[in-house]
Amino acid sequence: MKPKQIERAELVRHINEKRLEAGLSYAELADIADVDASQVSRICRGQFITFGASVVRICTTLGLQNTQGEGTTWKRSRHASDPNWAKLERSIRRAWDNTPAGAERLAKVIAAVGEITRK
């Protein structure tokens, strides 16, 4: 869908607010969202024509949601995961070997870290 200029400007404002709140560079956001860094840079400057897959991935990563179902109005979601959680989740996925045993091992490691940080 092709957004109007005001819709694109509002989305860019939300994207940059959330990115800066999370302390993410373009490169870090690109890594988390699995979007090329140059594409993130262009999107963060409002240089896009449609709400394509890269725009949607960036919005999802930053916890922005579409409020009308058509990609025309985006707002900060109260329920979406935050960028720090997305960064953590991506790290876990990289460490996981996609096996049930691997999931169990990672869960135990994370639980052990949790115990240490609570002390």
PDB file of N, CA and C in Angstrom:
ATOM      1  N   MET A   1       0.829  -1.168   0.000  1.00  0.00           N
ATOM      2  CA  MET A   1       0.000   0.000   0.000  1.00  0.00           C
ATOM      3  C   MET A   1       0.878   1.237   0.000  1.00  0.00           C
ATOM      4  N   LYS A   2       0.468   2.227  -0.752  1.00  0.00           N
ATOM      5  CA  LYS A   2       1.222   3.466  -0.871  1.00  0.00           C
ATOM      6  C   LYS A   2       0.668   4.484   0.130  1.00  0.00           C
ATOM      7  N   PRO A   3       1.480   4.860   1.126  1.00  0.00           N
ATOM      8  CA  PRO A   3       0.990   5.804   2.134  1.00  0.00           C
ATOM      9  C   PRO A   3       1.015   7.235   1.625  1.00  0.00           C
ATOM     10  N   LYS A   4       0.175   8.065   2.235  1.00  0.00           N
ATOM     11  CA  LYS A   4       0.206   9.495   1.957  1.00  0.00           C
ATOM     12  C   LYS A   4       1.441  10.059   2.644  1.00  0.00           C
ATOM     13  N   GLN A   5       1.878  11.226   2.208  1.00  0.00           N
ATOM     14  CA  GLN A   5       3.092  11.829   2.759  1.00  0.00           C
ATOM     15  C   GLN A   5       2.975  12.027   4.268  1.00  0.00           C
ATOM     16  N   ILE A   6       1.835  12.459   4.759  1.00  0.00           N
ATOM     17  CA  ILE A   6       1.669  12.686   6.195  1.00  0.00           C
ATOM     18  C   ILE A   6       1.715  11.375   6.973  1.00  0.00           C
ATOM     19  N   GLU A   7       1.183  10.313   6.388  1.00  0.00           N
ATOM     20  CA  GLU A   7       1.232   8.991   7.038  1.00  0.00           C
ATOM     21  C   GLU A   7       2.667   8.496   7.126  1.00  0.00           C
ATOM     22  N   ARG A   8       3.404   8.685   6.048  1.00  0.00           N
ATOM     23  CA  ARG A   8       4.805   8.261   6.032  1.00  0.00           C
ATOM     24  C   ARG A   8       5.609   9.062   7.049  1.00  0.00           C
ATOM     25  N   ALA A   9       5.375  10.376   7.123  1.00  0.00           N
ATOM     26  CA  ALA A   9       6.095  11.225   8.071  1.00  0.00           C
ATOM     27  C   ALA A   9       5.793  10.815   9.514  1.00  0.00           C
ATOM     28  N   GLU A  10       4.543  10.482   9.804  1.00  0.00           N
ATOM     29  CA  GLU A  10       4.172  10.052  11.156  1.00  0.00           C
ATOM     30  C   GLU A  10       4.852   8.729  11.502  1.00  0.00           C
ATOM     31  N   LEU A  11       4.867   7.807  10.555  1.00  0.00           N
ATOM     32  CA  LEU A  11       5.514   6.524  10.813  1.00  0.00           C
ATOM     33  C   LEU A  11       7.011   6.702  11.029  1.00  0.00           C
ATOM     34  N   VAL A  12       7.645   7.515  10.223  1.00  0.00           N
ATOM     35  CA  VAL A  12       9.087   7.764  10.365  1.00  0.00           C
ATOM     36  C   VAL A  12       9.377   8.359  11.741  1.00  0.00           C
ATOM     37  N   ARG A  13       8.530   9.271  12.193  1.00  0.00           N
ATOM     38  CA  ARG A  13       8.702   9.869  13.524  1.00  0.00           C
ATOM     39  C   ARG A  13       8.628   8.788  14.601  1.00  0.00           C
ATOM     40  N   HIS A  14       7.627   7.904  14.510  1.00  0.00           N
ATOM     41  CA  HIS A  14       7.487   6.821  15.484  1.00  0.00           C
ATOM     42  C   HIS A  14       8.684   5.866  15.433  1.00  0.00           C
ATOM     43  N   ILE A  15       9.119   5.510  14.239  1.00  0.00           N
ATOM     44  CA  ILE A  15      10.261   4.598  14.087  1.00  0.00           C
ATOM     45  C   ILE A  15      11.499   5.189  14.763  1.00  0.00           C
ATOM     46  N   ASN A  16      11.777   6.445  14.475  1.00  0.00           N
ATOM     47  CA  ASN A  16      12.980   7.063  15.030  1.00  0.00           C
ATOM     48  C   ASN A  16      12.881   7.257  16.540  1.00  0.00           C
ATOM     49  N   GLU A  17      11.700   7.582  17.046  1.00  0.00           N
ATOM     50  CA  GLU A  17      11.522   7.693  18.497  1.00  0.00           C
ATOM     51  C   GLU A  17      11.831   6.360  19.180  1.00  0.00           C
ATOM     52  N   LYS A  18      11.234   5.295  18.674  1.00  0.00           N
ATOM     53  CA  LYS A  18      11.423   3.979  19.277  1.00  0.00           C
ATOM     54  C   LYS A  18      12.870   3.512  19.144  1.00  0.00           C
ATOM     55  N   ARG A  19      13.485   3.758  18.001  1.00  0.00           N
ATOM     56  CA  ARG A  19      14.877   3.348  17.783  1.00  0.00           C
ATOM     57  C   ARG A  19      15.800   4.064  18.754  1.00  0.00           C
ATOM     58  N   LEU A  20      15.597   5.358  18.935  1.00  0.00           N
ATOM     59  CA  LEU A  20      16.440   6.126  19.846  1.00  0.00           C
ATOM     60  C   LEU A  20      16.180   5.754  21.301  1.00  0.00           C
ATOM     61  N   GLU A  21      14.919   5.519  21.670  1.00  0.00           N
ATOM     62  CA  GLU A  21      14.595   5.069  23.032  1.00  0.00           C
ATOM     63  C   GLU A  21      15.329   3.774  23.372  1.00  0.00           C
ATOM     64  N   ALA A  22      15.409   2.889  22.376  1.00  0.00           N
ATOM     65  CA  ALA A  22      16.068   1.602  22.584  1.00  0.00           C
ATOM     66  C   ALA A  22      17.586   1.716  22.479  1.00  0.00           C
ATOM     67  N   GLY A  23      18.077   2.873  22.064  1.00  0.00           N
ATOM     68  CA  GLY A  23      19.521   3.066  21.935  1.00  0.00           C
ATOM     69  C   GLY A  23      20.124   2.261  20.797  1.00  0.00           C
ATOM     70  N   LEU A  24      19.350   2.075  19.730  1.00  0.00           N
ATOM     71  CA  LEU A  24      19.805   1.256  18.604  1.00  0.00           C
ATOM     72  C   LEU A  24      20.328   2.115  17.459  1.00  0.00           C
ATOM     73  N   SER A  25      21.457   1.728  16.927  1.00  0.00           N
ATOM     74  CA  SER A  25      21.956   2.348  15.698  1.00  0.00           C
ATOM     75  C   SER A  25      21.204   1.737  14.517  1.00  0.00           C
ATOM     76  N   TYR A  26      21.385   2.302  13.348  1.00  0.00           N
ATOM     77  CA  TYR A  26      20.774   1.706  12.150  1.00  0.00           C
ATOM     78  C   TYR A  26      21.260   0.268  11.978  1.00  0.00           C
ATOM     79  N   ALA A  27      22.565   0.062  12.192  1.00  0.00           N
ATOM     80  CA  ALA A  27      23.135  -1.276  12.003  1.00  0.00           C
ATOM     81  C   ALA A  27      22.560  -2.272  13.002  1.00  0.00           C
ATOM     82  N   GLU A  28      22.394  -1.850  14.251  1.00  0.00           N
ATOM     83  CA  GLU A  28      21.820  -2.749  15.262  1.00  0.00           C
ATOM     84  C   GLU A  28      20.366  -3.078  14.941  1.00  0.00           C
ATOM     85  N   LEU A  29      19.598  -2.069  14.556  1.00  0.00           N
ATOM     86  CA  LEU A  29      18.207  -2.304  14.174  1.00  0.00           C
ATOM     87  C   LEU A  29      18.142  -3.220  12.964  1.00  0.00           C
ATOM     88  N   ALA A  30      19.037  -3.015  12.014  1.00  0.00           N
ATOM     89  CA  ALA A  30      19.074  -3.866  10.822  1.00  0.00           C
ATOM     90  C   ALA A  30      19.323  -5.321  11.200  1.00  0.00           C
ATOM     91  N   ASP A  31      20.243  -5.539  12.119  1.00  0.00           N
ATOM     92  CA  ASP A  31      20.568  -6.890  12.550  1.00  0.00           C
ATOM     93  C   ASP A  31      19.377  -7.550  13.235  1.00  0.00           C
ATOM     94  N   ILE A  32      18.731  -6.832  14.120  1.00  0.00           N
ATOM     95  CA  ILE A  32      17.596  -7.387  14.851  1.00  0.00           C
ATOM     96  C   ILE A  32      16.406  -7.644  13.925  1.00  0.00           C
ATOM     97  N   ALA A  33      16.130  -6.698  13.036  1.00  0.00           N
ATOM     98  CA  ALA A  33      14.965  -6.811  12.151  1.00  0.00           C
ATOM     99  C   ALA A  33      15.239  -7.669  10.921  1.00  0.00           C
ATOM    100  N   ASP A  34      16.497  -8.035  10.725  1.00  0.00           N
ATOM    101  CA  ASP A  34      16.900  -8.809   9.545  1.00  0.00           C
ATOM    102  C   ASP A  34      16.591  -8.055   8.248  1.00  0.00           C
ATOM    103  N   VAL A  35      17.014  -6.783   8.256  1.00  0.00           N
ATOM    104  CA  VAL A  35      16.853  -5.893   7.102  1.00  0.00           C
ATOM    105  C   VAL A  35      18.225  -5.290   6.828  1.00  0.00           C
ATOM    106  N   ASP A  36      18.579  -5.098   5.575  1.00  0.00           N
ATOM    107  CA  ASP A  36      19.863  -4.504   5.224  1.00  0.00           C
ATOM    108  C   ASP A  36      20.006  -3.126   5.873  1.00  0.00           C
ATOM    109  N   ALA A  37      21.187  -2.821   6.401  1.00  0.00           N
ATOM    110  CA  ALA A  37      21.423  -1.565   7.112  1.00  0.00           C
ATOM    111  C   ALA A  37      21.153  -0.342   6.234  1.00  0.00           C
ATOM    112  N   SER A  38      21.498  -0.412   4.963  1.00  0.00           N
ATOM    113  CA  SER A  38      21.229   0.731   4.081  1.00  0.00           C
ATOM    114  C   SER A  38      19.727   0.942   3.903  1.00  0.00           C
ATOM    115  N   GLN A  39      18.979  -0.153   3.912  1.00  0.00           N
ATOM    116  CA  GLN A  39      17.520  -0.068   3.817  1.00  0.00           C
ATOM    117  C   GLN A  39      16.950   0.566   5.094  1.00  0.00           C
ATOM    118  N   VAL A  40      17.480   0.190   6.246  1.00  0.00           N
ATOM    119  CA  VAL A  40      17.036   0.785   7.511  1.00  0.00           C
ATOM    120  C   VAL A  40      17.297   2.284   7.485  1.00  0.00           C
ATOM    121  N   SER A  41      18.469   2.663   7.039  1.00  0.00           N
ATOM    122  CA  SER A  41      18.814   4.078   6.955  1.00  0.00           C
ATOM    123  C   SER A  41      17.823   4.839   6.072  1.00  0.00           C
ATOM    124  N   ARG A  42      17.517   4.291   4.914  1.00  0.00           N
ATOM    125  CA  ARG A  42      16.563   4.951   4.010  1.00  0.00           C
ATOM    126  C   ARG A  42      15.176   5.049   4.645  1.00  0.00           C
ATOM    127  N   ILE A  43      14.734   3.975   5.270  1.00  0.00           N
ATOM    128  CA  ILE A  43      13.401   3.967   5.889  1.00  0.00           C
ATOM    129  C   ILE A  43      13.354   4.982   7.035  1.00  0.00           C
ATOM    130  N   CYS A  44      14.401   5.038   7.837  1.00  0.00           N
ATOM    131  CA  CYS A  44      14.445   5.985   8.953  1.00  0.00           C
ATOM    132  C   CYS A  44      14.492   7.438   8.481  1.00  0.00           C
ATOM    133  N   ARG A  45      14.867   7.662   7.252  1.00  0.00           N
ATOM    134  CA  ARG A  45      14.855   9.007   6.667  1.00  0.00           C
ATOM    135  C   ARG A  45      13.589   9.264   5.859  1.00  0.00           C
ATOM    136  N   GLY A  46      12.677   8.285   5.838  1.00  0.00           N
ATOM    137  CA  GLY A  46      11.405   8.454   5.131  1.00  0.00           C
ATOM    138  C   GLY A  46      11.495   8.215   3.643  1.00  0.00           C
ATOM    139  N   GLN A  47      12.554   7.581   3.196  1.00  0.00           N
ATOM    140  CA  GLN A  47      12.743   7.347   1.765  1.00  0.00           C
ATOM    141  C   GLN A  47      12.206   5.967   1.371  1.00  0.00           C
ATOM    142  N   PHE A  48      10.884   5.833   1.465  1.00  0.00           N
ATOM    143  CA  PHE A  48      10.216   4.618   1.001  1.00  0.00           C
ATOM    144  C   PHE A  48       8.873   5.024   0.409  1.00  0.00           C
ATOM    145  N   ILE A  49       8.367   4.185  -0.479  1.00  0.00           N
ATOM    146  CA  ILE A  49       7.132   4.514  -1.187  1.00  0.00           C
ATOM    147  C   ILE A  49       5.945   3.724  -0.650  1.00  0.00           C
ATOM    148  N   THR A  50       6.195   2.468  -0.290  1.00  0.00           N
ATOM    149  CA  THR A  50       5.115   1.608   0.194  1.00  0.00           C
ATOM    150  C   THR A  50       5.471   1.025   1.561  1.00  0.00           C
ATOM    151  N   PHE A  51       4.465   0.496   2.203  1.00  0.00           N
ATOM    152  CA  PHE A  51       4.685  -0.224   3.457  1.00  0.00           C
ATOM    153  C   PHE A  51       5.049  -1.655   3.100  1.00  0.00           C
ATOM    154  N   GLY A  52       6.262  -1.825   2.579  1.00  0.00           N
ATOM    155  CA  GLY A  52       6.739  -3.136   2.166  1.00  0.00           C
ATOM    156  C   GLY A  52       7.232  -3.962   3.339  1.00  0.00           C
ATOM    157  N   ALA A  53       7.757  -5.131   3.023  1.00  0.00           N
ATOM    158  CA  ALA A  53       8.192  -6.085   4.048  1.00  0.00           C
ATOM    159  C   ALA A  53       9.245  -5.506   4.980  1.00  0.00           C
ATOM    160  N   SER A  54      10.194  -4.745   4.458  1.00  0.00           N
ATOM    161  CA  SER A  54      11.246  -4.182   5.315  1.00  0.00           C
ATOM    162  C   SER A  54      10.679  -3.174   6.302  1.00  0.00           C
ATOM    163  N   VAL A  55       9.766  -2.345   5.855  1.00  0.00           N
ATOM    164  CA  VAL A  55       9.131  -1.365   6.742  1.00  0.00           C
ATOM    165  C   VAL A  55       8.357  -2.091   7.839  1.00  0.00           C
ATOM    166  N   VAL A  56       7.620  -3.117   7.442  1.00  0.00           N
ATOM    167  CA  VAL A  56       6.829  -3.879   8.411  1.00  0.00           C
ATOM    168  C   VAL A  56       7.742  -4.585   9.414  1.00  0.00           C
ATOM    169  N   ARG A  57       8.862  -5.165   8.957  1.00  0.00           N
ATOM    170  CA  ARG A  57       9.793  -5.839   9.871  1.00  0.00           C
ATOM    171  C   ARG A  57      10.377  -4.869  10.890  1.00  0.00           C
ATOM    172  N   ILE A  58      10.739  -3.692  10.427  1.00  0.00           N
ATOM    173  CA  ILE A  58      11.286  -2.675  11.324  1.00  0.00           C
ATOM    174  C   ILE A  58      10.234  -2.260  12.352  1.00  0.00           C
ATOM    175  N   CYS A  59       9.012  -2.028  11.892  1.00  0.00           N
ATOM    176  CA  CYS A  59       7.934  -1.633  12.801  1.00  0.00           C
ATOM    177  C   CYS A  59       7.660  -2.722  13.832  1.00  0.00           C
ATOM    178  N   THR A  60       7.609  -3.951  13.396  1.00  0.00           N
ATOM    179  CA  THR A  60       7.350  -5.069  14.298  1.00  0.00           C
ATOM    180  C   THR A  60       8.466  -5.182  15.330  1.00  0.00           C
ATOM    181  N   THR A  61       9.694  -5.054  14.897  1.00  0.00           N
ATOM    182  CA  THR A  61      10.837  -5.128  15.797  1.00  0.00           C
ATOM    183  C   THR A  61      10.783  -4.032  16.851  1.00  0.00           C
ATOM    184  N   LEU A  62      10.336  -2.856  16.466  1.00  0.00           N
ATOM    185  CA  LEU A  62      10.289  -1.729  17.387  1.00  0.00           C
ATOM    186  C   LEU A  62       9.000  -1.675  18.204  1.00  0.00           C
ATOM    187  N   GLY A  63       8.089  -2.609  17.968  1.00  0.00           N
ATOM    188  CA  GLY A  63       6.849  -2.623  18.734  1.00  0.00           C
ATOM    189  C   GLY A  63       5.824  -1.632  18.246  1.00  0.00           C
ATOM    190  N   LEU A  64       5.859  -1.321  16.967  1.00  0.00           N
ATOM    191  CA  LEU A  64       4.847  -0.456  16.370  1.00  0.00           C
ATOM    192  C   LEU A  64       3.816  -1.335  15.697  1.00  0.00           C
ATOM    193  N   GLN A  65       2.546  -0.951  15.810  1.00  0.00           N
ATOM    194  CA  GLN A  65       1.506  -1.766  15.189  1.00  0.00           C
ATOM    195  C   GLN A  65       0.650  -0.920  14.269  1.00  0.00           C
ATOM    196  N   ASN A  66       0.098  -1.579  13.285  1.00  0.00           N
ATOM    197  CA  ASN A  66      -0.809  -0.959  12.332  1.00  0.00           C
ATOM    198  C   ASN A  66      -2.187  -0.918  12.977  1.00  0.00           C
ATOM    199  N   THR A  67      -2.794   0.263  13.069  1.00  0.00           N
ATOM    200  CA  THR A  67      -4.072   0.386  13.763  1.00  0.00           C
ATOM    201  C   THR A  67      -5.282   0.266  12.854  1.00  0.00           C
ATOM    202  N   GLN A  68      -5.080   0.243  11.540  1.00  0.00           N
ATOM    203  CA  GLN A  68      -6.225   0.145  10.638  1.00  0.00           C
ATOM    204  C   GLN A  68      -6.190  -1.103   9.773  1.00  0.00           C
ATOM    205  N   GLY A  69      -5.176  -1.920   9.901  1.00  0.00           N
ATOM    206  CA  GLY A  69      -5.114  -3.151   9.138  1.00  0.00           C
ATOM    207  C   GLY A  69      -4.671  -2.992   7.699  1.00  0.00           C
ATOM    208  N   GLU A  70      -4.475  -1.789   7.254  1.00  0.00           N
ATOM    209  CA  GLU A  70      -4.082  -1.558   5.864  1.00  0.00           C
ATOM    210  C   GLU A  70      -2.707  -0.925   5.733  1.00  0.00           C
ATOM    211  N   GLY A  71      -2.027  -0.688   6.829  1.00  0.00           N
ATOM    212  CA  GLY A  71      -0.710  -0.076   6.743  1.00  0.00           C
ATOM    213  C   GLY A  71      -0.756   1.427   6.680  1.00  0.00           C
ATOM    214  N   THR A  72      -1.913   2.045   6.981  1.00  0.00           N
ATOM    215  CA  THR A  72      -2.003   3.483   6.848  1.00  0.00           C
ATOM    216  C   THR A  72      -1.760   4.235   8.142  1.00  0.00           C
ATOM    217  N   THR A  73      -2.062   3.650   9.272  1.00  0.00           N
ATOM    218  CA  THR A  73      -1.860   4.327  10.546  1.00  0.00           C
ATOM    219  C   THR A  73      -1.101   3.403  11.479  1.00  0.00           C
ATOM    220  N   TRP A  74       0.042   3.863  11.926  1.00  0.00           N
ATOM    221  CA  TRP A  74       0.874   3.067  12.826  1.00  0.00           C
ATOM    222  C   TRP A  74       0.985   3.817  14.129  1.00  0.00           C
ATOM    223  N   LYS A  75       0.997   3.090  15.223  1.00  0.00           N
ATOM    224  CA  LYS A  75       1.182   3.715  16.522  1.00  0.00           C
ATOM    225  C   LYS A  75       2.049   2.812  17.384  1.00  0.00           C
ATOM    226  N   ARG A  76       2.462   3.358  18.488  1.00  0.00           N
ATOM    227  CA  ARG A  76       3.253   2.594  19.442  1.00  0.00           C
ATOM    228  C   ARG A  76       2.340   1.605  20.133  1.00  0.00           C
ATOM    229  N   SER A  77       2.701   0.375  20.079  1.00  0.00           N
ATOM    230  CA  SER A  77       1.893  -0.667  20.696  1.00  0.00           C
ATOM    231  C   SER A  77       2.238  -0.813  22.164  1.00  0.00           C
ATOM    232  N   ARG A  78       1.222  -0.957  22.987  1.00  0.00           N
ATOM    233  CA  ARG A  78       1.457  -1.206  24.405  1.00  0.00           C
ATOM    234  C   ARG A  78       1.811  -2.660  24.638  1.00  0.00           C
ATOM    235  N   HIS A  79       1.429  -3.534  23.706  1.00  0.00           N
ATOM    236  CA  HIS A  79       1.566  -4.969  23.919  1.00  0.00           C
ATOM    237  C   HIS A  79       2.686  -5.609  23.109  1.00  0.00           C
ATOM    238  N   ALA A  80       3.245  -4.902  22.165  1.00  0.00           N
ATOM    239  CA  ALA A  80       4.304  -5.497  21.335  1.00  0.00           C
ATOM    240  C   ALA A  80       5.596  -5.582  22.139  1.00  0.00           C
ATOM    241  N   SER A  81       6.420  -6.529  21.769  1.00  0.00           N
ATOM    242  CA  SER A  81       7.700  -6.671  22.467  1.00  0.00           C
ATOM    243  C   SER A  81       8.585  -5.474  22.146  1.00  0.00           C
ATOM    244  N   ASP A  82       9.434  -5.111  23.103  1.00  0.00           N
ATOM    245  CA  ASP A  82      10.300  -3.967  22.875  1.00  0.00           C
ATOM    246  C   ASP A  82      11.570  -4.410  22.148  1.00  0.00           C
ATOM    247  N   PRO A  83      12.321  -3.457  21.617  1.00  0.00           N
ATOM    248  CA  PRO A  83      13.524  -3.793  20.845  1.00  0.00           C
ATOM    249  C   PRO A  83      14.568  -4.565  21.640  1.00  0.00           C
ATOM    250  N   ASN A  84      14.654  -4.309  22.936  1.00  0.00           N
ATOM    251  CA  ASN A  84      15.630  -5.047  23.738  1.00  0.00           C
ATOM    252  C   ASN A  84      15.256  -6.519  23.811  1.00  0.00           C
ATOM    253  N   TRP A  85      13.965  -6.794  23.931  1.00  0.00           N
ATOM    254  CA  TRP A  85      13.515  -8.188  23.927  1.00  0.00           C
ATOM    255  C   TRP A  85      13.809  -8.809  22.562  1.00  0.00           C
ATOM    256  N   ALA A  86      13.563  -8.070  21.489  1.00  0.00           N
ATOM    257  CA  ALA A  86      13.832  -8.587  20.147  1.00  0.00           C
ATOM    258  C   ALA A  86      15.311  -8.920  19.979  1.00  0.00           C
ATOM    259  N   LYS A  87      16.184  -8.074  20.537  1.00  0.00           N
ATOM    260  CA  LYS A  87      17.624  -8.319  20.457  1.00  0.00           C
ATOM    261  C   LYS A  87      17.981  -9.598  21.226  1.00  0.00           C
ATOM    262  N   LEU A  88      17.403  -9.745  22.414  1.00  0.00           N
ATOM    263  CA  LEU A  88      17.654 -10.939  23.212  1.00  0.00           C
ATOM    264  C   LEU A  88      17.141 -12.191  22.511  1.00  0.00           C
ATOM    265  N   GLU A  89      15.942 -12.099  21.963  1.00  0.00           N
ATOM    266  CA  GLU A  89      15.355 -13.251  21.272  1.00  0.00           C
ATOM    267  C   GLU A  89      16.213 -13.665  20.081  1.00  0.00           C
ATOM    268  N   ARG A  90      16.706 -12.696  19.352  1.00  0.00           N
ATOM    269  CA  ARG A  90      17.554 -13.012  18.197  1.00  0.00           C
ATOM    270  C   ARG A  90      18.841 -13.715  18.645  1.00  0.00           C
ATOM    271  N   SER A  91      19.424 -13.267  19.748  1.00  0.00           N
ATOM    272  CA  SER A  91      20.630 -13.918  20.268  1.00  0.00           C
ATOM    273  C   SER A  91      20.349 -15.359  20.675  1.00  0.00           C
ATOM    274  N   ILE A  92      19.227 -15.568  21.317  1.00  0.00           N
ATOM    275  CA  ILE A  92      18.859 -16.924  21.725  1.00  0.00           C
ATOM    276  C   ILE A  92      18.661 -17.807  20.503  1.00  0.00           C
ATOM    277  N   ARG A  93      17.979 -17.287  19.489  1.00  0.00           N
ATOM    278  CA  ARG A  93      17.750 -18.084  18.281  1.00  0.00           C
ATOM    279  C   ARG A  93      19.065 -18.468  17.603  1.00  0.00           C
ATOM    280  N   ARG A  94      20.043 -17.562  17.648  1.00  0.00           N
ATOM    281  CA  ARG A  94      21.351 -17.876  17.058  1.00  0.00           C
ATOM    282  C   ARG A  94      22.060 -18.980  17.838  1.00  0.00           C
ATOM    283  N   ALA A  95      21.854 -18.990  19.153  1.00  0.00           N
ATOM    284  CA  ALA A  95      22.526 -19.984  19.993  1.00  0.00           C
ATOM    285  C   ALA A  95      21.832 -21.340  19.952  1.00  0.00           C
ATOM    286  N   TRP A  96      20.584 -21.371  19.577  1.00  0.00           N
ATOM    287  CA  TRP A  96      19.795 -22.598  19.607  1.00  0.00           C
ATOM    288  C   TRP A  96      20.051 -23.435  18.359  1.00  0.00           C
ATOM    289  N   ASP A  97      20.224 -24.732  18.532  1.00  0.00           N
ATOM    290  CA  ASP A  97      20.466 -25.639  17.403  1.00  0.00           C
ATOM    291  C   ASP A  97      19.171 -26.241  16.837  1.00  0.00           C
ATOM    292  N   ASN A  98      18.029 -25.699  17.222  1.00  0.00           N
ATOM    293  CA  ASN A  98      16.704 -26.122  16.734  1.00  0.00           C
ATOM    294  C   ASN A  98      16.328 -27.547  17.123  1.00  0.00           C
ATOM    295  N   THR A  99      16.844 -27.991  18.253  1.00  0.00           N
ATOM    296  CA  THR A  99      16.464 -29.310  18.752  1.00  0.00           C
ATOM    297  C   THR A  99      15.800 -29.146  20.119  1.00  0.00           C
ATOM    298  N   PRO A 100      14.962 -30.096  20.508  1.00  0.00           N
ATOM    299  CA  PRO A 100      14.375 -30.029  21.852  1.00  0.00           C
ATOM    300  C   PRO A 100      15.451 -30.042  22.944  1.00  0.00           C
ATOM    301  N   ALA A 101      16.481 -30.835  22.759  1.00  0.00           N
ATOM    302  CA  ALA A 101      17.566 -30.882  23.752  1.00  0.00           C
ATOM    303  C   ALA A 101      18.286 -29.538  23.830  1.00  0.00           C
ATOM    304  N   GLY A 102      18.492 -28.926  22.693  1.00  0.00           N
ATOM    305  CA  GLY A 102      19.134 -27.612  22.672  1.00  0.00           C
ATOM    306  C   GLY A 102      18.283 -26.554  23.362  1.00  0.00           C
ATOM    307  N   ALA A 103      16.975 -26.629  23.164  1.00  0.00           N
ATOM    308  CA  ALA A 103      16.068 -25.696  23.838  1.00  0.00           C
ATOM    309  C   ALA A 103      16.126 -25.887  25.345  1.00  0.00           C
ATOM    310  N   GLU A 104      16.172 -27.130  25.772  1.00  0.00           N
ATOM    311  CA  GLU A 104      16.246 -27.425  27.196  1.00  0.00           C
ATOM    312  C   GLU A 104      17.544 -26.886  27.797  1.00  0.00           C
ATOM    313  N   ARG A 105      18.662 -27.080  27.086  1.00  0.00           N
ATOM    314  CA  ARG A 105      19.954 -26.574  27.572  1.00  0.00           C
ATOM    315  C   ARG A 105      19.931 -25.057  27.708  1.00  0.00           C
ATOM    316  N   LEU A 106      19.425 -24.370  26.679  1.00  0.00           N
ATOM    317  CA  LEU A 106      19.372 -22.904  26.732  1.00  0.00           C
ATOM    318  C   LEU A 106      18.457 -22.428  27.852  1.00  0.00           C
ATOM    319  N   ALA A 107      17.329 -23.092  28.035  1.00  0.00           N
ATOM    320  CA  ALA A 107      16.411 -22.720  29.113  1.00  0.00           C
ATOM    321  C   ALA A 107      17.098 -22.844  30.464  1.00  0.00           C
ATOM    322  N   LYS A 108      17.876 -23.900  30.657  1.00  0.00           N
ATOM    323  CA  LYS A 108      18.601 -24.092  31.921  1.00  0.00           C
ATOM    324  C   LYS A 108      19.655 -23.008  32.124  1.00  0.00           C
ATOM    325  N   VAL A 109      20.365 -22.664  31.056  1.00  0.00           N
ATOM    326  CA  VAL A 109      21.383 -21.611  31.153  1.00  0.00           C
ATOM    327  C   VAL A 109      20.725 -20.287  31.519  1.00  0.00           C
ATOM    328  N   ILE A 110      19.635 -19.960  30.859  1.00  0.00           N
ATOM    329  CA  ILE A 110      18.950 -18.691  31.135  1.00  0.00           C
ATOM    330  C   ILE A 110      18.394 -18.686  32.560  1.00  0.00           C
ATOM    331  N   ALA A 111      17.834 -19.801  33.006  1.00  0.00           N
ATOM    332  CA  ALA A 111      17.327 -19.895  34.375  1.00  0.00           C
ATOM    333  C   ALA A 111      18.466 -19.705  35.374  1.00  0.00           C
ATOM    334  N   ALA A 112      19.629 -20.290  35.100  1.00  0.00           N
ATOM    335  CA  ALA A 112      20.782 -20.137  35.993  1.00  0.00           C
ATOM    336  C   ALA A 112      21.241 -18.686  36.046  1.00  0.00           C
ATOM    337  N   VAL A 113      21.266 -18.010  34.913  1.00  0.00           N
ATOM    338  CA  VAL A 113      21.628 -16.592  34.879  1.00  0.00           C
ATOM    339  C   VAL A 113      20.618 -15.791  35.689  1.00  0.00           C
ATOM    340  N   GLY A 114      19.339 -16.129  35.555  1.00  0.00           N
ATOM    341  CA  GLY A 114      18.308 -15.464  36.330  1.00  0.00           C
ATOM    342  C   GLY A 114      18.517 -15.610  37.820  1.00  0.00           C
ATOM    343  N   GLU A 115      18.906 -16.795  38.239  1.00  0.00           N
ATOM    344  CA  GLU A 115      19.171 -17.023  39.662  1.00  0.00           C
ATOM    345  C   GLU A 115      20.342 -16.169  40.146  1.00  0.00           C
ATOM    346  N   ILE A 116      21.366 -16.076  39.347  1.00  0.00           N
ATOM    347  CA  ILE A 116      22.543 -15.288  39.717  1.00  0.00           C
ATOM    348  C   ILE A 116      22.193 -13.810  39.816  1.00  0.00           C
ATOM    349  N   THR A 117      21.418 -13.303  38.867  1.00  0.00           N
ATOM    350  CA  THR A 117      21.100 -11.862  38.846  1.00  0.00           C
ATOM    351  C   THR A 117      20.138 -11.475  39.961  1.00  0.00           C
ATOM    352  N   ARG A 118      19.375 -12.427  40.487  1.00  0.00           N
ATOM    353  CA  ARG A 118      18.446 -12.125  41.586  1.00  0.00           C
ATOM    354  C   ARG A 118      19.151 -12.062  42.937  1.00  0.00           C
ATOM    355  N   LYS A 119      20.362 -12.578  43.014  1.00  0.00           N
ATOM    356  CA  LYS A 119      21.092 -12.608  44.306  1.00  0.00           C
ATOM    357  C   LYS A 119      21.745 -11.306  44.606  1.00  0.00           C
TER     358      LYS A 119
END
